[in-house]
Amino acid sequence: MNIKFELNKLYYKYIDTSIVNHYKLLLLTEEYRKISKTLFDKYPQSNIEYIDCSKKQSKIKKDFFENREIICKNNKNKDLIICSDMFENFYVSRKYHYEQCIENVIEHIITDIKSMDKF
C-alpha cells in the first residue's frame, strides 16, 4: 500500500496531469475516428455490428465530454482551445459536431498540448 502511495506521489510530482488528461481526450477521439474508418467505411455486415459500434462510439463521446469538462471546469484558460468559448459553442453545446468535425477536434487537442509546453 505504501509503495503505491509513493508511486502516485512521484507521478503527480513529475508528470503534468493536465497534459496527460489532454492525451486521454486525444486517445478517445482517435478511437472514435478509428471505429468510423474501419467499420463504417466498409459498411457493417449486420445490424448487430452497427449497433455495437454505435454504442462504443456513444460511450467514447460521453467520456470525451466528461473528461473535457473536468479539464475545463476550474480552468477557464482561454489559451486552451478545448476550454474556449468557441469550442464550447461549436462542440459542446451542439454535440453532433464532435463526430462531424473529428479531425478538427484532434487538431485542437494537439494544438493545446503543444501550447501547454510553453506555459
Protein backbone atom coordinates (compact mmCIF):
# COMPACT_ATOMS: atom_id res chain seq x y z
CA MET A 1 0.00 0.00 0.00
CA ASN A 2 2.78 2.40 0.91
CA ILE A 3 4.60 1.67 -2.36
CA LYS A 4 1.51 2.60 -4.36
CA PHE A 5 1.23 5.88 -2.47
CA GLU A 6 4.90 6.69 -3.12
CA LEU A 7 4.49 5.91 -6.81
CA ASN A 8 1.42 8.12 -7.02
CA LYS A 9 3.31 10.88 -5.26
CA LEU A 10 6.15 10.64 -7.78
CA TYR A 11 3.69 10.50 -10.65
CA TYR A 12 1.98 13.74 -9.61
CA LYS A 13 5.28 15.37 -8.79
CA TYR A 14 6.92 14.76 -12.16
CA ILE A 15 4.03 14.34 -14.59
CA ASP A 16 1.95 17.27 -15.75
CA THR A 17 -1.51 15.76 -15.34
CA SER A 18 -3.16 18.44 -17.47
CA ILE A 19 -1.15 17.20 -20.45
CA VAL A 20 -1.94 13.60 -19.54
CA ASN A 21 -5.64 14.49 -19.47
CA HIS A 22 -5.33 16.07 -22.91
CA TYR A 23 -3.74 12.90 -24.20
CA LYS A 24 -6.70 10.97 -22.82
CA LEU A 25 -9.02 13.20 -24.88
CA LEU A 26 -6.82 12.62 -27.90
CA LEU A 27 -6.90 8.85 -27.44
CA LEU A 28 -10.68 8.83 -27.04
CA THR A 29 -11.13 10.92 -30.18
CA GLU A 30 -8.75 8.79 -32.21
CA GLU A 31 -10.55 5.65 -31.06
CA TYR A 32 -13.87 7.20 -32.15
CA ARG A 33 -12.37 8.00 -35.55
CA LYS A 34 -10.85 4.52 -35.89
CA ILE A 35 -14.24 2.88 -35.34
CA SER A 36 -15.71 5.09 -38.04
CA LYS A 37 -12.95 4.38 -40.53
CA THR A 38 -12.59 0.66 -40.03
CA LEU A 39 -16.22 -0.32 -39.79
CA PHE A 40 -18.39 2.32 -41.37
CA ASP A 41 -16.13 2.76 -44.42
CA LYS A 42 -16.65 -0.88 -45.35
CA TYR A 43 -20.30 -0.74 -44.20
CA PRO A 44 -21.34 -3.01 -41.37
CA GLN A 45 -22.06 -6.62 -42.18
CA SER A 46 -25.01 -6.75 -39.84
CA ASN A 47 -27.28 -4.59 -37.77
CA ILE A 48 -25.75 -6.07 -34.61
CA GLU A 49 -22.30 -4.98 -35.70
CA TYR A 50 -23.61 -1.49 -36.45
CA ILE A 51 -25.41 -1.27 -33.08
CA ASP A 52 -22.30 -2.44 -31.19
CA CYS A 53 -20.15 0.19 -32.90
CA SER A 54 -22.71 2.90 -32.29
CA LYS A 55 -22.79 2.00 -28.60
CA LYS A 56 -18.99 2.12 -28.40
CA GLN A 57 -18.91 5.49 -30.11
CA SER A 58 -21.65 6.87 -27.86
CA LYS A 59 -19.66 5.83 -24.80
CA ILE A 60 -16.47 7.36 -26.20
CA LYS A 61 -18.29 10.60 -26.95
CA LYS A 62 -19.76 10.70 -23.44
CA ASP A 63 -16.33 10.01 -21.90
CA PHE A 64 -14.76 12.70 -24.06
CA PHE A 65 -17.17 15.40 -22.93
CA GLU A 66 -16.97 14.34 -19.28
CA ASN A 67 -13.17 14.45 -19.35
CA ARG A 68 -13.17 17.75 -21.19
CA GLU A 69 -15.46 19.17 -18.51
CA ILE A 70 -13.04 18.03 -15.80
CA ILE A 71 -10.14 19.77 -17.57
CA CYS A 72 -12.07 22.98 -18.17
CA LYS A 73 -14.25 23.18 -15.05
CA ASN A 74 -11.83 25.09 -12.86
CA ASN A 75 -9.59 26.13 -15.69
CA LYS A 76 -11.35 28.53 -17.99
CA ASN A 77 -7.99 29.19 -19.59
CA LYS A 78 -8.73 30.80 -22.91
CA ASP A 79 -5.26 29.77 -24.10
CA LEU A 80 -6.55 26.21 -24.32
CA ILE A 81 -8.75 25.70 -27.36
CA ILE A 82 -10.80 22.94 -25.77
CA CYS A 83 -11.72 25.32 -22.93
CA SER A 84 -12.52 28.25 -25.20
CA ASP A 85 -15.96 29.73 -25.82
CA MET A 86 -15.63 28.74 -29.48
CA PHE A 87 -15.11 25.09 -28.57
CA GLU A 88 -17.94 25.28 -26.05
CA ASN A 89 -20.37 26.75 -28.56
CA PHE A 90 -19.44 24.58 -31.51
CA TYR A 91 -18.68 21.18 -29.99
CA VAL A 92 -20.15 21.07 -26.50
CA SER A 93 -23.47 22.86 -26.92
CA ARG A 94 -24.10 21.01 -30.18
CA LYS A 95 -22.56 17.64 -29.52
CA TYR A 96 -23.28 16.38 -33.03
CA HIS A 97 -20.37 18.47 -34.35
CA TYR A 98 -17.96 16.22 -32.47
CA GLU A 99 -18.44 13.35 -34.89
CA GLN A 100 -18.83 15.58 -37.94
CA CYS A 101 -15.61 17.50 -37.32
CA ILE A 102 -13.48 14.83 -35.66
CA GLU A 103 -10.27 15.82 -37.49
CA ASN A 104 -10.64 19.40 -36.23
CA VAL A 105 -11.13 18.19 -32.66
CA ILE A 106 -7.91 16.17 -32.92
CA GLU A 107 -6.07 19.24 -34.24
CA HIS A 108 -7.41 21.39 -31.40
CA ILE A 109 -6.23 18.92 -28.78
CA ILE A 110 -2.78 18.65 -30.39
CA THR A 111 -2.52 22.45 -30.52
CA ASP A 112 -3.41 22.62 -26.82
CA ILE A 113 -0.77 20.04 -25.94
CA LYS A 114 1.88 21.96 -27.91
CA SER A 115 0.90 25.27 -26.33
CA MET A 116 0.95 23.78 -22.82
CA ASP A 117 4.66 23.16 -23.21
CA LYS A 118 5.07 26.95 -23.39
CA PHE A 119 3.24 27.70 -20.13
